Amino acid sequence: MNFILYICFWYITVFVVYLIEMAWHYWCSKSYIHAQEPMLALKEGETIAVVADRPNGIRFYTEIDVVGGKSYE
């Protein structure tokens, strides 16, 4: 009987630690969500030449007077 109580105690302990970890991850994920302001403003004559997908966001590279993939500066 003592062995069964010992096993039940550890199952309950692991389950409680799991619930605490899930609550922590849920709470932390909500605290880091921020609305991102638009940061791209094209000037007259500029064109988006390349779009790069990065782990921390999308990066835009601009060129002046791009025609057919070639830059004329």
N, C-alpha and C. Protein backbone atom coordinates (compact mmCIF):
# COMPACT_ATOMS: atom_id res chain seq x y z
N MET A 1 0.82 -1.20 0.00
CA MET A 1 0.00 0.00 0.00
C MET A 1 0.87 1.27 0.00
N ASN A 2 1.97 1.25 0.68
CA ASN A 2 2.85 2.40 0.72
C ASN A 2 3.44 2.70 -0.65
N PHE A 3 3.76 1.67 -1.41
CA PHE A 3 4.33 1.87 -2.74
C PHE A 3 3.32 2.55 -3.67
N ILE A 4 2.05 2.15 -3.59
CA ILE A 4 1.01 2.77 -4.43
C ILE A 4 0.84 4.24 -4.05
N LEU A 5 0.86 4.56 -2.77
CA LEU A 5 0.76 5.95 -2.34
C LEU A 5 1.97 6.75 -2.80
N TYR A 6 3.14 6.15 -2.76
CA TYR A 6 4.37 6.79 -3.23
C TYR A 6 4.28 7.13 -4.71
N ILE A 7 3.83 6.17 -5.53
CA ILE A 7 3.67 6.39 -6.97
C ILE A 7 2.61 7.46 -7.23
N CYS A 8 1.50 7.41 -6.54
CA CYS A 8 0.44 8.43 -6.72
C CYS A 8 0.94 9.82 -6.34
N PHE A 9 1.72 9.91 -5.28
CA PHE A 9 2.29 11.19 -4.87
C PHE A 9 3.15 11.77 -5.98
N TRP A 10 4.02 10.97 -6.59
CA TRP A 10 4.89 11.46 -7.64
C TRP A 10 4.12 11.80 -8.91
N TYR A 11 3.10 11.03 -9.25
CA TYR A 11 2.26 11.37 -10.41
C TYR A 11 1.58 12.71 -10.19
N ILE A 12 1.06 12.94 -8.99
CA ILE A 12 0.39 14.21 -8.69
C ILE A 12 1.40 15.36 -8.72
N THR A 13 2.59 15.13 -8.17
CA THR A 13 3.63 16.17 -8.17
C THR A 13 4.03 16.55 -9.59
N VAL A 14 4.25 15.56 -10.43
CA VAL A 14 4.63 15.84 -11.83
C VAL A 14 3.50 16.57 -12.55
N PHE A 15 2.26 16.19 -12.30
CA PHE A 15 1.12 16.83 -12.94
C PHE A 15 1.00 18.29 -12.50
N VAL A 16 1.22 18.57 -11.23
CA VAL A 16 1.15 19.95 -10.73
C VAL A 16 2.27 20.79 -11.34
N VAL A 17 3.48 20.24 -11.42
CA VAL A 17 4.59 20.97 -12.05
C VAL A 17 4.28 21.24 -13.51
N TYR A 18 3.69 20.27 -14.21
CA TYR A 18 3.29 20.45 -15.61
C TYR A 18 2.26 21.57 -15.74
N LEU A 19 1.26 21.60 -14.87
CA LEU A 19 0.25 22.66 -14.92
C LEU A 19 0.86 24.03 -14.65
N ILE A 20 1.81 24.11 -13.72
CA ILE A 20 2.48 25.39 -13.44
C ILE A 20 3.27 25.84 -14.65
N GLU A 21 3.97 24.91 -15.30
CA GLU A 21 4.74 25.27 -16.50
C GLU A 21 3.83 25.73 -17.63
N MET A 22 2.70 25.05 -17.84
CA MET A 22 1.77 25.46 -18.89
C MET A 22 1.20 26.85 -18.60
N ALA A 23 0.87 27.12 -17.34
CA ALA A 23 0.36 28.44 -16.97
C ALA A 23 1.43 29.51 -17.18
N TRP A 24 2.68 29.19 -16.87
CA TRP A 24 3.79 30.13 -17.06
C TRP A 24 3.97 30.46 -18.53
N HIS A 25 3.96 29.45 -19.39
CA HIS A 25 4.12 29.69 -20.83
C HIS A 25 2.95 30.50 -21.39
N TYR A 26 1.75 30.22 -20.92
CA TYR A 26 0.58 30.98 -21.37
C TYR A 26 0.69 32.44 -20.94
N TRP A 27 1.12 32.67 -19.71
CA TRP A 27 1.24 34.04 -19.20
C TRP A 27 2.35 34.80 -19.93
N CYS A 28 3.49 34.13 -20.17
CA CYS A 28 4.62 34.81 -20.84
C CYS A 28 4.31 35.11 -22.30
N SER A 29 3.60 34.23 -22.99
CA SER A 29 3.31 34.46 -24.40
C SER A 29 2.39 35.66 -24.58
N LYS A 30 1.51 35.92 -23.65
CA LYS A 30 0.61 37.06 -23.76
C LYS A 30 1.34 38.38 -23.49
N SER A 31 2.39 38.34 -22.67
CA SER A 31 3.04 39.58 -22.29
C SER A 31 3.96 40.13 -23.36
N TYR A 32 4.36 39.33 -24.35
CA TYR A 32 5.30 39.79 -25.36
C TYR A 32 4.65 40.09 -26.70
N ILE A 33 3.34 40.06 -26.78
CA ILE A 33 2.66 40.37 -28.03
C ILE A 33 2.46 41.89 -28.11
N HIS A 34 3.10 42.50 -29.11
CA HIS A 34 2.99 43.94 -29.30
C HIS A 34 2.60 44.21 -30.75
N ALA A 35 1.78 45.20 -30.95
CA ALA A 35 1.43 45.61 -32.31
C ALA A 35 2.65 46.29 -32.94
N GLN A 36 2.95 45.91 -34.16
CA GLN A 36 4.12 46.47 -34.83
C GLN A 36 3.70 47.64 -35.71
N GLU A 37 4.42 48.72 -35.58
CA GLU A 37 4.17 49.90 -36.39
C GLU A 37 4.77 49.68 -37.79
N PRO A 38 4.12 50.18 -38.82
CA PRO A 38 4.73 50.08 -40.15
C PRO A 38 6.01 50.91 -40.20
N MET A 39 7.09 50.32 -40.71
CA MET A 39 8.38 51.00 -40.70
C MET A 39 8.89 51.30 -42.09
N LEU A 40 8.14 51.01 -43.11
CA LEU A 40 8.61 51.18 -44.48
C LEU A 40 7.88 52.35 -45.12
N ALA A 41 8.64 53.30 -45.61
CA ALA A 41 8.08 54.43 -46.34
C ALA A 41 8.95 54.65 -47.56
N LEU A 42 8.39 54.41 -48.74
CA LEU A 42 9.15 54.59 -49.98
C LEU A 42 9.17 56.06 -50.36
N LYS A 43 10.32 56.51 -50.80
CA LYS A 43 10.44 57.87 -51.31
C LYS A 43 10.15 57.85 -52.80
N GLU A 44 10.02 58.99 -53.39
CA GLU A 44 9.72 59.08 -54.81
C GLU A 44 10.85 58.46 -55.63
N GLY A 45 10.50 57.56 -56.55
CA GLY A 45 11.48 56.91 -57.41
C GLY A 45 12.02 55.60 -56.86
N GLU A 46 11.71 55.27 -55.61
CA GLU A 46 12.19 54.03 -55.03
C GLU A 46 11.24 52.88 -55.33
N THR A 47 11.80 51.70 -55.47
CA THR A 47 11.04 50.49 -55.73
C THR A 47 11.57 49.38 -54.82
N ILE A 48 10.68 48.51 -54.35
CA ILE A 48 11.12 47.36 -53.56
C ILE A 48 11.75 46.37 -54.52
N ALA A 49 13.05 46.09 -54.33
CA ALA A 49 13.79 45.20 -55.23
C ALA A 49 13.84 43.78 -54.70
N VAL A 50 14.02 43.61 -53.39
CA VAL A 50 14.18 42.28 -52.79
C VAL A 50 13.41 42.24 -51.49
N VAL A 51 12.76 41.12 -51.24
CA VAL A 51 12.10 40.87 -49.97
C VAL A 51 12.76 39.65 -49.35
N ALA A 52 13.29 39.79 -48.14
CA ALA A 52 13.97 38.69 -47.46
C ALA A 52 13.19 38.32 -46.21
N ASP A 53 12.90 37.04 -46.06
CA ASP A 53 12.19 36.55 -44.89
C ASP A 53 13.22 36.14 -43.84
N ARG A 54 13.28 36.86 -42.73
CA ARG A 54 14.23 36.61 -41.66
C ARG A 54 13.49 36.03 -40.45
N PRO A 55 14.19 35.39 -39.52
CA PRO A 55 13.52 34.87 -38.32
C PRO A 55 12.88 35.96 -37.46
N ASN A 56 13.45 37.16 -37.47
CA ASN A 56 12.89 38.23 -36.65
C ASN A 56 11.96 39.16 -37.43
N GLY A 57 11.68 38.86 -38.70
CA GLY A 57 10.76 39.68 -39.48
C GLY A 57 11.11 39.69 -40.95
N ILE A 58 10.33 40.41 -41.70
CA ILE A 58 10.56 40.53 -43.14
C ILE A 58 11.40 41.77 -43.40
N ARG A 59 12.38 41.65 -44.27
CA ARG A 59 13.28 42.76 -44.61
C ARG A 59 13.06 43.15 -46.06
N PHE A 60 12.90 44.44 -46.32
CA PHE A 60 12.71 44.95 -47.67
C PHE A 60 13.96 45.72 -48.09
N TYR A 61 14.43 45.46 -49.30
CA TYR A 61 15.56 46.20 -49.86
C TYR A 61 15.03 47.02 -51.02
N THR A 62 15.38 48.30 -51.04
CA THR A 62 14.86 49.19 -52.07
C THR A 62 15.97 49.62 -53.01
N GLU A 63 15.57 49.95 -54.21
CA GLU A 63 16.48 50.48 -55.24
C GLU A 63 15.82 51.70 -55.86
N ILE A 64 16.63 52.53 -56.46
CA ILE A 64 16.11 53.71 -57.16
C ILE A 64 16.06 53.40 -58.65
N ASP A 65 14.92 53.65 -59.26
CA ASP A 65 14.72 53.46 -60.72
C ASP A 65 15.07 52.03 -61.16
N VAL A 66 14.41 51.05 -60.61
CA VAL A 66 14.64 49.65 -61.02
C VAL A 66 13.76 49.34 -62.21
N VAL A 67 14.38 48.85 -63.28
CA VAL A 67 13.63 48.46 -64.49
C VAL A 67 14.12 47.09 -64.91
N GLY A 68 13.25 46.11 -64.95
CA GLY A 68 13.61 44.77 -65.39
C GLY A 68 14.65 44.10 -64.53
N GLY A 69 14.69 44.39 -63.23
CA GLY A 69 15.64 43.78 -62.33
C GLY A 69 17.01 44.44 -62.32
N LYS A 70 17.23 45.50 -63.11
CA LYS A 70 18.51 46.19 -63.12
C LYS A 70 18.35 47.58 -62.51
N SER A 71 19.33 47.98 -61.76
CA SER A 71 19.28 49.29 -61.12
C SER A 71 20.03 50.31 -61.97
N TYR A 72 19.36 51.46 -62.22
CA TYR A 72 19.97 52.55 -62.99
C TYR A 72 20.12 53.74 -62.06
N GLU A 73 21.31 53.95 -61.53
CA GLU A 73 21.53 55.08 -60.62
C GLU A 73 22.43 56.10 -61.28
